[in-house]
Amino acid sequence: MELHNLYGPTEAAVDVTWWDCARPGPPDVIPIGQPIANTAAHVLDRRLLPAPPNVPGELYLGGVQLARGYLNRPGLTATTFVAHPLAGPGGRLYRTGDKVRRLPDGALEFLGRLDRQVKVRGYRIELGEIEQVLARHLSVREAAVVVRDRDDGQQLAAYLTVAGGAELDPQALRDHLHAELPGYMVPATFTVLPAMPLTRSGKLDRSALPDPAVGSSTPAVRARQRAAAPATPEEEAVAAVYREVLGLAEVDIAASFFDLGGSSYDAVRAIRRIEGRPSRCSSRIRARGS
C-alpha cells in the first residue's frame, strides 16, 4: 500500500503538490513534496523575489488550474490572485498565505500559516512553529498555541492532547521547547485537553479553547508537577511576591521566573516589590536573576 502526502487549496483545484511517504527524507519532517504536472510552486519573499533553499517564504501557486477569483468579491480576488512577477502579461499567481521552505532536494516543507504570526511583548512569533515543536514530543498527540490577554499584556498559552498511555512531564516539555526555540516562544501555560474542539468541518476551533485557568478536567500545567517549596524565610518572601505578581496559588522556588509565566514587565513589578523588603532578601533575588 502506498501513502502519499497531498497538499493544495480550493483556489488551485485542491491538489497541487505530492510526496511519497515511503521516500527517504529529512528526519521528523514529512514534506508536501513537488508540484504536479502543469503546476508551478514558487517560494517568494515579501518583495516577490525567490527565496533561497532552506529560507522560509510564502508559497505562491501558478498554473492552468487556478480559479478565476472569488464570486462577487473583487477586492479579495485582487489581493489574493496577483500578477506573476516572473511571467509575461496575463500571468497570475495565487497567494496561499502558507509559510514554506524549499529543501535541498527541491521538495517543499510546510511551516505553518503566515496569518498566524503574532507580536507578543515586542517579539514576532509564528504560532505554528511552536505547535510543530510541541507535536514532535513523544508525549504529545496534538498541540495548539494561542495568545491570551492578561491585565498586564499578552502571553502564549499551549493546549495539548496526550498520546495514548503517555504521561505529560511539564518540565521535560519545557526543556524540549527550550532546545529548539528561544525563551520568548515558550508558552506560559500548558492545558491538557481530552480532545481538541473542532468546527463542523472537522478543523480545530481555536475560539472554543478554554481559558487556561478554567476547569479541573483541563488543568493548566505550569513549570513543574512537583513544586519545590521555599526553604528559608527569604525564599518564602520572594515566593510571596511571585504569587502576587503572577497570580499563582503556589510557586516552584527552583523554577525560572519566566518559566512560571512571568514577563519582563512582571519582572519589573516583582523587583519593585522585593526592593521594599529587607536588603538581605533583595540581594538574594538579584543574585538569582543575574
C-alpha atoms as a PDB file:
ATOM      1  CA  MET A   1       0.000   0.000   0.000  1.00  0.00           C
ATOM      2  CA  GLU A   2       1.311   3.439  -0.940  1.00  0.00           C
ATOM      3  CA  LEU A   3       0.842   6.526   1.211  1.00  0.00           C
ATOM      4  CA  HIS A   4       1.093   9.999  -0.328  1.00  0.00           C
ATOM      5  CA  ASN A   5       1.010  13.385   1.404  1.00  0.00           C
ATOM      6  CA  LEU A   6      -1.056  15.726  -0.788  1.00  0.00           C
ATOM      7  CA  TYR A   7      -1.308  19.498  -0.459  1.00  0.00           C
ATOM      8  CA  GLY A   8      -3.483  22.080  -2.127  1.00  0.00           C
ATOM      9  CA  PRO A   9      -6.102  24.803  -1.543  1.00  0.00           C
ATOM     10  CA  THR A  10      -9.540  25.010  -3.121  1.00  0.00           C
ATOM     11  CA  GLU A  11      -8.425  28.073  -5.120  1.00  0.00           C
ATOM     12  CA  ALA A  12      -5.990  25.837  -7.018  1.00  0.00           C
ATOM     13  CA  ALA A  13      -8.246  22.804  -7.564  1.00  0.00           C
ATOM     14  CA  VAL A  14      -7.293  21.151  -4.259  1.00  0.00           C
ATOM     15  CA  ASP A  15      -4.222  19.021  -5.058  1.00  0.00           C
ATOM     16  CA  VAL A  16      -1.102  20.814  -6.323  1.00  0.00           C
ATOM     17  CA  THR A  17       1.839  19.031  -4.671  1.00  0.00           C
ATOM     18  CA  TRP A  18       2.518  15.455  -3.586  1.00  0.00           C
ATOM     19  CA  TRP A  19       5.046  13.471  -1.597  1.00  0.00           C
ATOM     20  CA  ASP A  20       5.615   9.715  -1.488  1.00  0.00           C
ATOM     21  CA  CYS A  21       5.820   8.983   2.266  1.00  0.00           C
ATOM     22  CA  ALA A  22       7.952   5.887   1.591  1.00  0.00           C
ATOM     23  CA  ARG A  23      10.649   8.090   0.099  1.00  0.00           C
ATOM     24  CA  PRO A  24      13.620   8.898   2.375  1.00  0.00           C
ATOM     25  CA  GLY A  25      13.518  12.454   3.628  1.00  0.00           C
ATOM     26  CA  PRO A  26      14.658  14.718   6.456  1.00  0.00           C
ATOM     27  CA  PRO A  27      14.138  13.258   9.948  1.00  0.00           C
ATOM     28  CA  ASP A  28      10.912  14.269  11.699  1.00  0.00           C
ATOM     29  CA  VAL A  29       9.669  16.030   8.552  1.00  0.00           C
ATOM     30  CA  ILE A  30       7.007  14.941   6.068  1.00  0.00           C
ATOM     31  CA  PRO A  31       7.302  17.377   3.141  1.00  0.00           C
ATOM     32  CA  ILE A  32       4.382  18.392   0.973  1.00  0.00           C
ATOM     33  CA  GLY A  33       6.637  17.478  -1.926  1.00  0.00           C
ATOM     34  CA  GLN A  34       6.843  18.585  -5.542  1.00  0.00           C
ATOM     35  CA  PRO A  35       4.244  20.225  -7.816  1.00  0.00           C
ATOM     36  CA  ILE A  36       2.094  18.009 -10.001  1.00  0.00           C
ATOM     37  CA  ALA A  37       2.020  18.429 -13.792  1.00  0.00           C
ATOM     38  CA  ASN A  38       1.095  21.858 -15.200  1.00  0.00           C
ATOM     39  CA  THR A  39       1.539  23.438 -11.763  1.00  0.00           C
ATOM     40  CA  ALA A  40       4.165  25.907 -10.562  1.00  0.00           C
ATOM     41  CA  ALA A  41       5.050  26.378  -6.890  1.00  0.00           C
ATOM     42  CA  HIS A  42       7.150  29.434  -6.002  1.00  0.00           C
ATOM     43  CA  VAL A  43       8.620  30.300  -2.608  1.00  0.00           C
ATOM     44  CA  LEU A  44       8.813  34.107  -2.582  1.00  0.00           C
ATOM     45  CA  ASP A  45       9.835  36.741  -0.069  1.00  0.00           C
ATOM     46  CA  ARG A  46       7.955  39.962   0.722  1.00  0.00           C
ATOM     47  CA  ARG A  47       9.391  41.614  -2.387  1.00  0.00           C
ATOM     48  CA  LEU A  48       8.110  38.727  -4.534  1.00  0.00           C
ATOM     49  CA  LEU A  49      11.674  37.535  -5.123  1.00  0.00           C
ATOM     50  CA  PRO A  50      12.567  33.809  -4.967  1.00  0.00           C
ATOM     51  CA  ALA A  51      13.705  32.707  -1.514  1.00  0.00           C
ATOM     52  CA  PRO A  52      16.935  30.643  -1.400  1.00  0.00           C
ATOM     53  CA  PRO A  53      16.762  26.954  -0.403  1.00  0.00           C
ATOM     54  CA  ASN A  54      16.005  26.390   3.294  1.00  0.00           C
ATOM     55  CA  VAL A  55      14.894  30.024   3.710  1.00  0.00           C
ATOM     56  CA  PRO A  56      11.175  30.359   4.619  1.00  0.00           C
ATOM     57  CA  GLY A  57       8.882  32.317   2.353  1.00  0.00           C
ATOM     58  CA  GLU A  58       5.283  32.427   1.186  1.00  0.00           C
ATOM     59  CA  LEU A  59       4.042  29.787  -1.237  1.00  0.00           C
ATOM     60  CA  TYR A  60       2.632  31.150  -4.494  1.00  0.00           C
ATOM     61  CA  LEU A  61       0.907  28.805  -6.947  1.00  0.00           C
ATOM     62  CA  GLY A  62       0.566  29.107 -10.688  1.00  0.00           C
ATOM     63  CA  GLY A  63      -0.834  27.019 -13.498  1.00  0.00           C
ATOM     64  CA  VAL A  64      -3.907  26.237 -15.537  1.00  0.00           C
ATOM     65  CA  GLN A  65      -5.886  25.024 -12.510  1.00  0.00           C
ATOM     66  CA  LEU A  66      -6.091  28.398 -10.715  1.00  0.00           C
ATOM     67  CA  ALA A  67      -9.571  29.696 -10.016  1.00  0.00           C
ATOM     68  CA  ARG A  68     -10.681  32.916 -11.685  1.00  0.00           C
ATOM     69  CA  GLY A  69     -11.311  34.502  -8.302  1.00  0.00           C
ATOM     70  CA  TYR A  70     -13.920  34.782  -5.559  1.00  0.00           C
ATOM     71  CA  LEU A  71     -17.536  35.237  -6.620  1.00  0.00           C
ATOM     72  CA  ASN A  72     -18.722  38.816  -6.031  1.00  0.00           C
ATOM     73  CA  ARG A  73     -15.589  39.650  -4.000  1.00  0.00           C
ATOM     74  CA  PRO A  74     -13.370  41.684  -6.335  1.00  0.00           C
ATOM     75  CA  GLY A  75     -11.292  43.201  -3.524  1.00  0.00           C
ATOM     76  CA  LEU A  76     -10.301  39.822  -2.095  1.00  0.00           C
ATOM     77  CA  THR A  77      -9.638  38.499  -5.590  1.00  0.00           C
ATOM     78  CA  ALA A  78      -7.299  41.406  -6.359  1.00  0.00           C
ATOM     79  CA  THR A  79      -5.214  40.885  -3.202  1.00  0.00           C
ATOM     80  CA  THR A  80      -5.072  37.093  -3.405  1.00  0.00           C
ATOM     81  CA  PHE A  81      -4.653  36.461  -7.131  1.00  0.00           C
ATOM     82  CA  VAL A  82      -1.704  38.640  -8.125  1.00  0.00           C
ATOM     83  CA  ALA A  83       0.315  39.338 -11.250  1.00  0.00           C
ATOM     84  CA  HIS A  84       3.078  36.796 -11.862  1.00  0.00           C
ATOM     85  CA  PRO A  85       6.378  38.686 -11.362  1.00  0.00           C
ATOM     86  CA  LEU A  86       8.330  36.078 -13.332  1.00  0.00           C
ATOM     87  CA  ALA A  87       5.949  35.688 -16.294  1.00  0.00           C
ATOM     88  CA  GLY A  88       4.653  37.813 -19.130  1.00  0.00           C
ATOM     89  CA  PRO A  89       1.413  39.812 -19.356  1.00  0.00           C
ATOM     90  CA  GLY A  90      -1.611  37.941 -18.079  1.00  0.00           C
ATOM     91  CA  GLY A  91       0.349  35.612 -15.842  1.00  0.00           C
ATOM     92  CA  ARG A  92      -1.187  35.102 -12.404  1.00  0.00           C
ATOM     93  CA  LEU A  93      -0.236  33.562  -9.085  1.00  0.00           C
ATOM     94  CA  TYR A  94      -2.326  32.618  -6.081  1.00  0.00           C
ATOM     95  CA  ARG A  95      -1.031  33.764  -2.679  1.00  0.00           C
ATOM     96  CA  THR A  96      -1.649  30.816  -0.381  1.00  0.00           C
ATOM     97  CA  GLY A  97      -0.743  32.522   2.891  1.00  0.00           C
ATOM     98  CA  ASP A  98       1.239  29.388   3.742  1.00  0.00           C
ATOM     99  CA  LYS A  99       4.787  29.568   5.018  1.00  0.00           C
ATOM    100  CA  VAL A 100       7.083  27.010   3.369  1.00  0.00           C
ATOM    101  CA  ARG A 101      10.715  26.425   2.564  1.00  0.00           C
ATOM    102  CA  ARG A 102      12.338  24.562  -0.303  1.00  0.00           C
ATOM    103  CA  LEU A 103      14.535  21.700   0.836  1.00  0.00           C
ATOM    104  CA  PRO A 104      17.854  20.922  -0.879  1.00  0.00           C
ATOM    105  CA  ASP A 105      16.229  18.182  -2.998  1.00  0.00           C
ATOM    106  CA  GLY A 106      13.577  20.628  -4.242  1.00  0.00           C
ATOM    107  CA  ALA A 107      10.716  19.326  -2.118  1.00  0.00           C
ATOM    108  CA  LEU A 108       8.622  21.803  -0.143  1.00  0.00           C
ATOM    109  CA  GLU A 109       8.196  21.721   3.636  1.00  0.00           C
ATOM    110  CA  PHE A 110       5.061  23.266   5.122  1.00  0.00           C
ATOM    111  CA  LEU A 111       5.897  25.509   8.111  1.00  0.00           C
ATOM    112  CA  GLY A 112       2.501  26.942   9.029  1.00  0.00           C
ATOM    113  CA  ARG A 113       0.229  29.856   8.235  1.00  0.00           C
ATOM    114  CA  LEU A 114       1.631  33.345   7.797  1.00  0.00           C
ATOM    115  CA  ASP A 115      -1.588  34.871   9.099  1.00  0.00           C
ATOM    116  CA  ARG A 116      -0.845  33.204  12.455  1.00  0.00           C
ATOM    117  CA  GLN A 117       2.176  35.396  13.040  1.00  0.00           C
ATOM    118  CA  VAL A 118       1.654  37.421  16.196  1.00  0.00           C
ATOM    119  CA  LYS A 119       3.580  40.019  18.150  1.00  0.00           C
ATOM    120  CA  VAL A 120       3.861  39.402  21.896  1.00  0.00           C
ATOM    121  CA  ARG A 121       5.836  41.785  24.114  1.00  0.00           C
ATOM    122  CA  GLY A 122       7.763  43.117  21.130  1.00  0.00           C
ATOM    123  CA  TYR A 123       8.655  39.733  19.598  1.00  0.00           C
ATOM    124  CA  ARG A 124       7.249  38.450  16.320  1.00  0.00           C
ATOM    125  CA  ILE A 125       6.205  34.838  16.837  1.00  0.00           C
ATOM    126  CA  GLU A 126       4.967  32.126  14.482  1.00  0.00           C
ATOM    127  CA  LEU A 127       2.434  30.155  16.496  1.00  0.00           C
ATOM    128  CA  GLY A 128       2.612  27.287  14.024  1.00  0.00           C
ATOM    129  CA  GLU A 129       6.330  26.896  14.666  1.00  0.00           C
ATOM    130  CA  ILE A 130       5.690  26.368  18.389  1.00  0.00           C
ATOM    131  CA  GLU A 131       2.936  23.859  17.607  1.00  0.00           C
ATOM    132  CA  GLN A 132       5.239  21.880  15.336  1.00  0.00           C
ATOM    133  CA  VAL A 133       7.925  21.594  18.000  1.00  0.00           C
ATOM    134  CA  LEU A 134       5.359  20.583  20.628  1.00  0.00           C
ATOM    135  CA  ALA A 135       3.881  17.946  18.329  1.00  0.00           C
ATOM    136  CA  ARG A 136       7.301  16.327  17.930  1.00  0.00           C
ATOM    137  CA  HIS A 137       7.407  15.482  21.648  1.00  0.00           C
ATOM    138  CA  LEU A 138       6.662  11.791  22.230  1.00  0.00           C
ATOM    139  CA  SER A 139       4.014  12.526  24.889  1.00  0.00           C
ATOM    140  CA  VAL A 140       2.036  14.916  22.677  1.00  0.00           C
ATOM    141  CA  ARG A 141      -0.591  13.804  20.164  1.00  0.00           C
ATOM    142  CA  GLU A 142      -1.959  17.238  19.181  1.00  0.00           C
ATOM    143  CA  ALA A 143      -0.898  20.786  20.013  1.00  0.00           C
ATOM    144  CA  ALA A 144      -2.384  24.242  19.610  1.00  0.00           C
ATOM    145  CA  VAL A 145      -0.969  27.589  20.719  1.00  0.00           C
ATOM    146  CA  VAL A 146      -2.890  30.847  21.031  1.00  0.00           C
ATOM    147  CA  VAL A 147      -2.346  34.293  22.523  1.00  0.00           C
ATOM    148  CA  ARG A 148      -4.269  35.102  25.699  1.00  0.00           C
ATOM    149  CA  ASP A 149      -4.832  38.610  27.035  1.00  0.00           C
ATOM    150  CA  ARG A 150      -3.931  39.396  30.629  1.00  0.00           C
ATOM    151  CA  ASP A 151      -4.421  42.560  32.612  1.00  0.00           C
ATOM    152  CA  ASP A 152      -0.760  43.445  32.094  1.00  0.00           C
ATOM    153  CA  GLY A 153      -0.382  42.283  28.492  1.00  0.00           C
ATOM    154  CA  GLN A 154      -0.402  39.102  26.459  1.00  0.00           C
ATOM    155  CA  GLN A 155       1.017  35.622  26.960  1.00  0.00           C
ATOM    156  CA  LEU A 156       1.261  32.388  24.981  1.00  0.00           C
ATOM    157  CA  ALA A 157      -0.997  29.522  26.025  1.00  0.00           C
ATOM    158  CA  ALA A 158      -0.489  25.956  24.793  1.00  0.00           C
ATOM    159  CA  TYR A 159      -3.202  23.283  24.566  1.00  0.00           C
ATOM    160  CA  LEU A 160      -2.309  19.624  24.265  1.00  0.00           C
ATOM    161  CA  THR A 161      -3.807  16.194  23.883  1.00  0.00           C
ATOM    162  CA  VAL A 162      -1.638  13.393  25.214  1.00  0.00           C
ATOM    163  CA  ALA A 163      -0.503  10.391  23.193  1.00  0.00           C
ATOM    164  CA  GLY A 164      -2.098   7.123  24.306  1.00  0.00           C
ATOM    165  CA  GLY A 165      -0.718   5.867  27.577  1.00  0.00           C
ATOM    166  CA  ALA A 166       1.832   8.675  27.907  1.00  0.00           C
ATOM    167  CA  GLU A 167       2.252  10.873  30.956  1.00  0.00           C
ATOM    168  CA  LEU A 168       2.966  14.542  30.434  1.00  0.00           C
ATOM    169  CA  ASP A 169       6.040  15.843  32.241  1.00  0.00           C
ATOM    170  CA  PRO A 170       5.720  19.638  32.016  1.00  0.00           C
ATOM    171  CA  GLN A 171       9.387  20.293  32.775  1.00  0.00           C
ATOM    172  CA  ALA A 172      10.509  17.819  30.114  1.00  0.00           C
ATOM    173  CA  LEU A 173       8.139  19.565  27.720  1.00  0.00           C
ATOM    174  CA  ARG A 174       9.676  22.941  28.532  1.00  0.00           C
ATOM    175  CA  ASP A 175      13.168  21.529  28.120  1.00  0.00           C
ATOM    176  CA  HIS A 176      12.118  20.147  24.739  1.00  0.00           C
ATOM    177  CA  LEU A 177      10.894  23.588  23.652  1.00  0.00           C
ATOM    178  CA  HIS A 178      13.941  25.429  25.002  1.00  0.00           C
ATOM    179  CA  ALA A 179      16.196  23.108  22.989  1.00  0.00           C
ATOM    180  CA  GLU A 180      14.685  24.342  19.728  1.00  0.00           C
ATOM    181  CA  LEU A 181      13.091  27.724  20.419  1.00  0.00           C
ATOM    182  CA  PRO A 182      14.085  30.995  22.103  1.00  0.00           C
ATOM    183  CA  GLY A 183      12.677  31.566  25.569  1.00  0.00           C
ATOM    184  CA  TYR A 184      10.109  34.135  24.438  1.00  0.00           C
ATOM    185  CA  MET A 185       8.442  31.433  22.297  1.00  0.00           C
ATOM    186  CA  VAL A 186       7.885  29.036  25.218  1.00  0.00           C
ATOM    187  CA  PRO A 187       4.226  29.234  26.349  1.00  0.00           C
ATOM    188  CA  ALA A 188       3.457  30.426  29.852  1.00  0.00           C
ATOM    189  CA  THR A 189       0.764  27.786  30.394  1.00  0.00           C
ATOM    190  CA  PHE A 190       0.080  24.253  29.166  1.00  0.00           C
ATOM    191  CA  THR A 191      -3.505  22.980  29.266  1.00  0.00           C
ATOM    192  CA  VAL A 192      -4.183  19.279  28.762  1.00  0.00           C
ATOM    193  CA  LEU A 193      -7.445  18.536  26.950  1.00  0.00           C
ATOM    194  CA  PRO A 194      -9.195  15.187  26.441  1.00  0.00           C
ATOM    195  CA  ALA A 195      -9.768  16.236  22.816  1.00  0.00           C
ATOM    196  CA  MET A 196      -9.332  19.354  20.713  1.00  0.00           C
ATOM    197  CA  PRO A 197     -12.527  21.306  19.947  1.00  0.00           C
ATOM    198  CA  LEU A 198     -13.458  21.055  16.282  1.00  0.00           C
ATOM    199  CA  THR A 199     -15.643  23.026  13.892  1.00  0.00           C
ATOM    200  CA  ARG A 200     -18.397  21.355  11.876  1.00  0.00           C
ATOM    201  CA  SER A 201     -15.915  20.886   9.044  1.00  0.00           C
ATOM    202  CA  GLY A 202     -13.556  18.991  11.344  1.00  0.00           C
ATOM    203  CA  LYS A 203     -10.954  21.735  11.746  1.00  0.00           C
ATOM    204  CA  LEU A 204      -9.528  22.982  15.025  1.00  0.00           C
ATOM    205  CA  ASP A 205     -11.850  25.539  16.631  1.00  0.00           C
ATOM    206  CA  ARG A 206      -9.394  27.882  18.342  1.00  0.00           C
ATOM    207  CA  SER A 207     -12.174  30.126  19.595  1.00  0.00           C
ATOM    208  CA  ALA A 208     -13.509  27.210  21.667  1.00  0.00           C
ATOM    209  CA  LEU A 209     -10.259  26.561  23.516  1.00  0.00           C
ATOM    210  CA  PRO A 210     -10.926  27.170  27.246  1.00  0.00           C
ATOM    211  CA  ASP A 211      -9.256  29.726  29.445  1.00  0.00           C
ATOM    212  CA  PRO A 212      -6.122  28.114  30.932  1.00  0.00           C
ATOM    213  CA  ALA A 213      -7.403  28.703  34.456  1.00  0.00           C
ATOM    214  CA  VAL A 214     -10.853  27.173  33.914  1.00  0.00           C
ATOM    215  CA  GLY A 215     -11.948  23.592  34.527  1.00  0.00           C
ATOM    216  CA  SER A 216     -10.414  20.835  36.611  1.00  0.00           C
ATOM    217  CA  SER A 217     -10.753  18.440  33.666  1.00  0.00           C
ATOM    218  CA  THR A 218      -8.435  20.652  31.631  1.00  0.00           C
ATOM    219  CA  PRO A 219      -5.811  21.694  34.180  1.00  0.00           C
ATOM    220  CA  ALA A 220      -3.294  24.364  33.329  1.00  0.00           C
ATOM    221  CA  VAL A 221       0.117  22.855  33.937  1.00  0.00           C
ATOM    222  CA  ARG A 222       2.811  25.344  34.807  1.00  0.00           C
ATOM    223  CA  ALA A 223       6.529  24.853  35.272  1.00  0.00           C
ATOM    224  CA  ARG A 224       6.598  21.590  37.244  1.00  0.00           C
ATOM    225  CA  GLN A 225       4.245  18.973  38.595  1.00  0.00           C
ATOM    226  CA  ARG A 226       6.006  18.945  41.981  1.00  0.00           C
ATOM    227  CA  ALA A 227       6.835  22.485  43.019  1.00  0.00           C
ATOM    228  CA  ALA A 228       9.878  22.958  45.222  1.00  0.00           C
ATOM    229  CA  ALA A 229       8.626  24.770  48.332  1.00  0.00           C
ATOM    230  CA  PRO A 230      10.516  27.718  49.836  1.00  0.00           C
ATOM    231  CA  ALA A 231      13.070  26.501  52.393  1.00  0.00           C
ATOM    232  CA  THR A 232      14.071  29.800  54.038  1.00  0.00           C
ATOM    233  CA  PRO A 233      12.311  32.998  55.144  1.00  0.00           C
ATOM    234  CA  GLU A 234      13.990  34.840  52.281  1.00  0.00           C
ATOM    235  CA  GLU A 235      12.714  32.321  49.718  1.00  0.00           C
ATOM    236  CA  GLU A 236       9.232  32.494  51.209  1.00  0.00           C
ATOM    237  CA  ALA A 237       9.318  36.303  50.896  1.00  0.00           C
ATOM    238  CA  VAL A 238      10.307  36.028  47.231  1.00  0.00           C
ATOM    239  CA  ALA A 239       7.699  33.323  46.602  1.00  0.00           C
ATOM    240  CA  ALA A 240       5.018  35.567  48.109  1.00  0.00           C
ATOM    241  CA  VAL A 241       5.927  38.319  45.662  1.00  0.00           C
ATOM    242  CA  TYR A 242       5.878  35.831  42.761  1.00  0.00           C
ATOM    243  CA  ARG A 243       2.447  34.559  43.796  1.00  0.00           C
ATOM    244  CA  GLU A 244       1.106  38.104  43.986  1.00  0.00           C
ATOM    245  CA  VAL A 245       2.586  39.286  40.692  1.00  0.00           C
ATOM    246  CA  LEU A 246       1.863  36.121  38.669  1.00  0.00           C
ATOM    247  CA  GLY A 247      -1.451  35.206  40.272  1.00  0.00           C
ATOM    248  CA  LEU A 248      -0.283  31.714  41.297  1.00  0.00           C
ATOM    249  CA  ALA A 249      -1.516  29.561  44.158  1.00  0.00           C
ATOM    250  CA  GLU A 250       1.959  28.069  44.628  1.00  0.00           C
ATOM    251  CA  VAL A 251       5.440  28.775  43.322  1.00  0.00           C
ATOM    252  CA  ASP A 252       8.278  26.403  42.468  1.00  0.00           C
ATOM    253  CA  ILE A 253      11.222  28.233  44.017  1.00  0.00           C
ATOM    254  CA  ALA A 254      13.652  26.332  41.757  1.00  0.00           C
ATOM    255  CA  ALA A 255      11.906  27.361  38.544  1.00  0.00           C
ATOM    256  CA  SER A 256      12.785  30.300  36.343  1.00  0.00           C
ATOM    257  CA  PHE A 257      10.615  33.369  36.869  1.00  0.00           C
ATOM    258  CA  PHE A 258       9.826  33.355  33.151  1.00  0.00           C
ATOM    259  CA  ASP A 259       9.038  29.626  33.140  1.00  0.00           C
ATOM    260  CA  LEU A 260       6.402  30.389  35.757  1.00  0.00           C
ATOM    261  CA  GLY A 261       4.662  32.619  33.210  1.00  0.00           C
ATOM    262  CA  GLY A 262       6.371  35.892  34.068  1.00  0.00           C
ATOM    263  CA  SER A 263       7.262  38.549  31.536  1.00  0.00           C
ATOM    264  CA  SER A 264       9.807  41.360  31.588  1.00  0.00           C
ATOM    265  CA  TYR A 265       7.017  43.672  32.743  1.00  0.00           C
ATOM    266  CA  ASP A 266       6.172  41.228  35.544  1.00  0.00           C
ATOM    267  CA  ALA A 267       9.863  41.130  36.494  1.00  0.00           C
ATOM    268  CA  VAL A 268       9.914  44.914  36.954  1.00  0.00           C
ATOM    269  CA  ARG A 269       6.829  44.707  39.176  1.00  0.00           C
ATOM    270  CA  ALA A 270       8.409  41.892  41.212  1.00  0.00           C
ATOM    271  CA  ILE A 271      11.683  43.758  41.660  1.00  0.00           C
ATOM    272  CA  ARG A 272       9.882  46.866  42.893  1.00  0.00           C
ATOM    273  CA  ARG A 273       8.025  44.826  45.498  1.00  0.00           C
ATOM    274  CA  ILE A 274      11.168  42.979  46.580  1.00  0.00           C
ATOM    275  CA  GLU A 275      13.126  46.220  46.915  1.00  0.00           C
ATOM    276  CA  GLY A 276      10.661  47.255  49.608  1.00  0.00           C
ATOM    277  CA  ARG A 277      11.663  44.236  51.698  1.00  0.00           C
ATOM    278  CA  PRO A 278      14.830  43.726  53.778  1.00  0.00           C
ATOM    279  CA  SER A 279      18.089  44.180  51.873  1.00  0.00           C
ATOM    280  CA  ARG A 280      19.066  40.565  52.536  1.00  0.00           C
ATOM    281  CA  CYS A 281      16.065  39.374  50.538  1.00  0.00           C
ATOM    282  CA  SER A 282      16.674  41.930  47.811  1.00  0.00           C
ATOM    283  CA  SER A 283      20.293  40.860  47.290  1.00  0.00           C
ATOM    284  CA  ARG A 284      19.311  37.179  47.050  1.00  0.00           C
ATOM    285  CA  ILE A 285      16.730  37.732  44.330  1.00  0.00           C
ATOM    286  CA  ARG A 286      19.093  39.880  42.319  1.00  0.00           C
ATOM    287  CA  ALA A 287      21.698  37.120  42.515  1.00  0.00           C
ATOM    288  CA  ARG A 288      19.110  34.653  41.183  1.00  0.00           C
ATOM    289  CA  GLY A 289      18.257  36.902  38.280  1.00  0.00           C
ATOM    290  CA  SER A 290      21.860  37.739  37.389  1.00  0.00           C
END
